[in-house]
Amino acid sequence: MDNSAAVLDMGCGTGAFAIHAAPYCRKVYAVDVAKAMLGRARRKAKKAGLTNIEFRRGGFLTYEHTDSPVDAIVSVVALHHLPDFWKLVGLHRLASMLKADDRLYLFDVVFSFDIGRCEPSIERFIEKMSLRTVPDGRRAAQTHVRQEYSTCGWIMEGLLERAGFQIDKADYKDDFLAAYLCTRKPQVIPAKSLTTAGQQLR
């Protein structure tokens, strides 16, 4: 990463990526809807002696980026909290915060298994998540399947393309995780035209 770059971390959580990236960037915007998460991230950044992270509260549908467009956007395991229509709105808004021809990296829970293998694939997802996450991970994974909004790979690719991104690389792992490296196309819908709709979910 160019150390003159400005990067936006959407759904920063406790700041793992933002803190890792800060030494290599001019500025990192660490954005999250959860006040508690931002508080933890601030404390970690202060402990690490980092002064170039700007913490802001907001989400895909509500964050207002009033500074110049950024050089890169990263979002890790956050977009699945929105159903598909609002994913599209959120991705459009991200595209409008990014300079043309610059990059988005998106990593999230995305289902790519064949529907005929639905039951064993979901059970495998729950088992793997229960091993990878905190105690009570099985219940968290079951809740994710029942109540959250992971989508299918082919739908996610369509959402990204319709939002104004060219997908340069799509990497599907274990039938239920995916990483996308994208380039913003020259023309996207301005964020302000999508703000009112997003605010309805506040």
Protein backbone atom coordinates (compact mmCIF):
# COMPACT_ATOMS: atom_id res chain seq x y z
CA MET A 1 0.00 0.00 0.00
CA ASP A 2 1.24 3.48 -0.93
CA ASN A 3 1.97 5.36 2.31
CA SER A 4 0.26 8.44 0.82
CA ALA A 5 -3.02 6.54 0.48
CA ALA A 6 -6.22 7.07 2.44
CA VAL A 7 -8.13 3.87 3.23
CA LEU A 8 -11.64 3.34 4.57
CA ASP A 9 -12.35 0.29 6.74
CA MET A 10 -16.12 -0.22 6.71
CA GLY A 11 -17.31 -2.31 9.66
CA CYS A 12 -13.97 -1.99 11.41
CA GLY A 13 -15.04 -3.81 14.59
CA THR A 14 -12.28 -3.69 17.17
CA GLY A 15 -9.82 -2.30 14.62
CA ALA A 16 -7.78 -5.34 13.58
CA PHE A 17 -7.35 -4.27 9.96
CA ALA A 18 -7.20 -0.52 10.62
CA ILE A 19 -4.41 -0.93 13.17
CA HIS A 20 -2.47 -3.26 10.88
CA ALA A 21 -2.85 -0.92 7.88
CA ALA A 22 -2.18 2.41 9.61
CA PRO A 23 1.67 2.26 9.47
CA TYR A 24 1.47 1.86 5.68
CA CYS A 25 -1.09 4.62 4.96
CA ARG A 26 -1.45 8.36 5.27
CA LYS A 27 -4.85 7.97 6.91
CA VAL A 28 -7.29 5.20 7.80
CA TYR A 29 -10.99 5.92 8.33
CA ALA A 30 -12.25 3.25 10.74
CA VAL A 31 -16.05 3.14 10.54
CA ASP A 32 -18.48 1.04 12.57
CA VAL A 33 -22.09 1.29 13.74
CA ALA A 34 -21.24 0.00 17.22
CA LYS A 35 -20.03 2.56 19.75
CA ALA A 36 -18.53 -0.17 21.94
CA MET A 37 -16.49 -1.57 19.05
CA LEU A 38 -15.15 1.87 18.19
CA GLY A 39 -14.21 2.40 21.82
CA ARG A 40 -12.16 -0.78 21.90
CA ALA A 41 -10.53 0.07 18.58
CA ARG A 42 -9.57 3.54 19.82
CA ARG A 43 -7.95 2.09 22.94
CA LYS A 44 -5.97 -0.42 20.88
CA ALA A 45 -4.80 2.29 18.47
CA LYS A 46 -3.74 4.53 21.35
CA LYS A 47 -1.82 1.67 22.95
CA ALA A 48 -0.05 1.08 19.61
CA GLY A 49 0.84 4.78 19.35
CA LEU A 50 -1.07 5.28 16.11
CA THR A 51 -2.31 8.80 15.34
CA ASN A 52 -3.45 8.51 11.72
CA ILE A 53 -6.66 6.51 12.32
CA GLU A 54 -9.86 8.54 12.32
CA PHE A 55 -12.71 6.71 14.04
CA ARG A 56 -16.21 7.46 12.79
CA ARG A 57 -19.58 6.00 13.69
CA GLY A 58 -21.81 4.82 10.87
CA GLY A 59 -22.54 1.95 8.53
CA PHE A 60 -23.06 1.05 4.89
CA LEU A 61 -26.35 2.96 4.77
CA THR A 62 -25.66 5.88 7.10
CA TYR A 63 -21.99 6.83 7.00
CA GLU A 64 -21.37 10.20 5.35
CA HIS A 65 -17.85 10.54 3.95
CA THR A 66 -17.35 14.30 3.76
CA ASP A 67 -13.63 14.18 3.01
CA SER A 68 -12.06 13.56 -0.39
CA PRO A 69 -12.65 10.14 -1.97
CA VAL A 70 -10.37 7.44 -0.62
CA ASP A 71 -7.82 5.31 -2.45
CA ALA A 72 -9.08 1.95 -1.16
CA ILE A 73 -11.95 0.47 0.84
CA VAL A 74 -11.86 -2.71 2.88
CA SER A 75 -14.83 -4.49 4.45
CA VAL A 76 -14.41 -7.76 6.33
CA VAL A 77 -17.39 -9.83 7.53
CA ALA A 78 -19.82 -6.91 7.83
CA LEU A 79 -21.99 -6.72 4.70
CA HIS A 80 -23.92 -9.90 5.56
CA HIS A 81 -25.88 -7.93 8.17
CA LEU A 82 -27.89 -6.38 5.31
CA PRO A 83 -30.43 -8.10 3.03
CA ASP A 84 -29.61 -8.05 -0.66
CA PHE A 85 -31.46 -4.87 -1.65
CA TRP A 86 -29.70 -2.89 1.08
CA LYS A 87 -26.39 -4.57 0.22
CA LEU A 88 -26.75 -3.02 -3.23
CA VAL A 89 -27.48 0.42 -1.78
CA GLY A 90 -24.54 0.08 0.60
CA LEU A 91 -22.16 -1.00 -2.16
CA HIS A 92 -23.29 1.92 -4.34
CA ARG A 93 -22.52 4.25 -1.45
CA LEU A 94 -19.06 2.72 -0.99
CA ALA A 95 -18.34 3.12 -4.70
CA SER A 96 -19.16 6.83 -4.49
CA MET A 97 -16.60 7.25 -1.66
CA LEU A 98 -13.83 5.69 -3.73
CA LYS A 99 -11.73 7.25 -6.48
CA ALA A 100 -12.35 5.92 -9.98
CA ASP A 101 -10.11 2.97 -10.86
CA ASP A 102 -9.20 2.37 -7.20
CA ARG A 103 -9.87 -0.76 -5.20
CA LEU A 104 -12.44 -2.42 -2.96
CA TYR A 105 -11.58 -5.57 -1.00
CA LEU A 106 -14.64 -7.39 0.34
CA PHE A 107 -14.50 -10.53 2.47
CA ASP A 108 -17.66 -12.08 3.87
CA VAL A 109 -19.83 -15.12 4.37
CA VAL A 110 -21.09 -15.97 0.87
CA PHE A 111 -22.63 -19.33 0.02
CA SER A 112 -21.31 -20.98 -3.15
CA PHE A 113 -22.38 -24.61 -2.63
CA ASP A 114 -24.82 -26.35 -4.97
CA ILE A 115 -28.38 -26.14 -3.64
CA GLY A 116 -28.61 -29.92 -3.85
CA ARG A 117 -26.00 -30.06 -1.07
CA CYS A 118 -27.74 -27.46 1.06
CA GLU A 119 -28.18 -29.40 4.32
CA PRO A 120 -24.70 -31.00 4.58
CA SER A 121 -23.05 -27.77 3.44
CA ILE A 122 -24.81 -25.68 6.08
CA GLU A 123 -23.96 -28.23 8.76
CA ARG A 124 -20.32 -28.11 7.67
CA PHE A 125 -20.44 -24.31 7.84
CA ILE A 126 -21.80 -24.46 11.39
CA GLU A 127 -19.16 -27.00 12.44
CA LYS A 128 -16.28 -24.99 10.99
CA MET A 129 -17.51 -21.71 12.44
CA SER A 130 -17.91 -23.33 15.86
CA LEU A 131 -14.21 -24.25 15.75
CA ARG A 132 -12.97 -20.92 14.38
CA THR A 133 -14.89 -18.52 16.58
CA VAL A 134 -15.30 -17.73 20.26
CA PRO A 135 -16.97 -20.10 22.77
CA ASP A 136 -20.61 -20.70 21.88
CA GLY A 137 -19.58 -20.43 18.23
CA ARG A 138 -22.04 -23.14 17.18
CA ARG A 139 -25.00 -21.12 18.42
CA ALA A 140 -23.64 -17.98 16.74
CA ALA A 141 -23.28 -19.85 13.44
CA GLN A 142 -26.80 -21.28 13.71
CA THR A 143 -28.15 -17.81 14.41
CA HIS A 144 -26.29 -16.53 11.36
CA VAL A 145 -27.93 -19.10 9.09
CA ARG A 146 -31.42 -18.46 10.51
CA GLN A 147 -31.44 -14.70 10.98
CA GLU A 148 -28.65 -12.97 9.05
CA TYR A 149 -28.31 -12.28 5.37
CA SER A 150 -25.51 -14.18 3.68
CA THR A 151 -26.15 -14.40 -0.02
CA CYS A 152 -25.13 -16.64 -2.92
CA GLY A 153 -21.92 -16.07 -4.83
CA TRP A 154 -23.63 -15.38 -8.15
CA ILE A 155 -25.89 -12.80 -6.48
CA MET A 156 -22.96 -11.08 -4.75
CA GLU A 157 -21.11 -10.82 -8.04
CA GLY A 158 -24.17 -9.21 -9.62
CA LEU A 159 -24.54 -6.77 -6.73
CA LEU A 160 -20.91 -5.68 -7.01
CA GLU A 161 -21.15 -5.18 -10.76
CA ARG A 162 -24.42 -3.26 -10.54
CA ALA A 163 -22.97 -1.06 -7.78
CA GLY A 164 -20.23 0.13 -10.11
CA PHE A 165 -17.39 -2.32 -9.54
CA GLN A 166 -15.41 -4.51 -11.89
CA ILE A 167 -14.54 -7.79 -10.19
CA ASP A 168 -10.85 -8.45 -10.75
CA LYS A 169 -10.68 -11.56 -8.59
CA ALA A 170 -13.26 -13.69 -6.77
CA ASP A 171 -11.95 -16.32 -4.38
CA TYR A 172 -14.47 -18.78 -2.90
CA LYS A 173 -13.38 -20.85 0.11
CA ASP A 174 -15.07 -23.81 1.83
CA ASP A 175 -18.36 -23.17 -0.01
CA PHE A 176 -19.28 -20.36 2.41
CA LEU A 177 -16.55 -17.71 2.47
CA ALA A 178 -15.60 -15.38 -0.37
CA ALA A 179 -13.10 -12.61 -1.05
CA TYR A 180 -13.51 -10.11 -3.86
CA LEU A 181 -10.92 -7.68 -5.19
CA CYS A 182 -12.66 -5.05 -7.29
CA THR A 183 -11.93 -1.86 -9.21
CA ARG A 184 -14.37 1.04 -9.15
CA LYS A 185 -15.72 1.89 -12.60
CA PRO A 186 -15.68 5.55 -13.69
CA GLN A 187 -19.42 6.23 -13.28
CA VAL A 188 -21.40 5.53 -10.10
CA ILE A 189 -24.46 7.00 -8.39
CA PRO A 190 -23.50 9.83 -5.98
CA ALA A 191 -23.79 8.83 -2.32
CA LYS A 192 -26.08 11.74 -1.45
CA SER A 193 -28.80 10.41 -3.74
CA LEU A 194 -28.86 7.19 -1.68
CA THR A 195 -28.63 8.73 1.79
CA THR A 196 -32.34 9.27 2.44
CA ALA A 197 -33.19 5.63 1.75
CA GLY A 198 -30.43 4.41 4.04
CA GLN A 199 -31.54 6.66 6.86
CA GLN A 200 -34.91 4.90 6.93
CA LEU A 201 -33.18 1.97 8.64
CA ARG A 202 -31.63 4.02 11.43
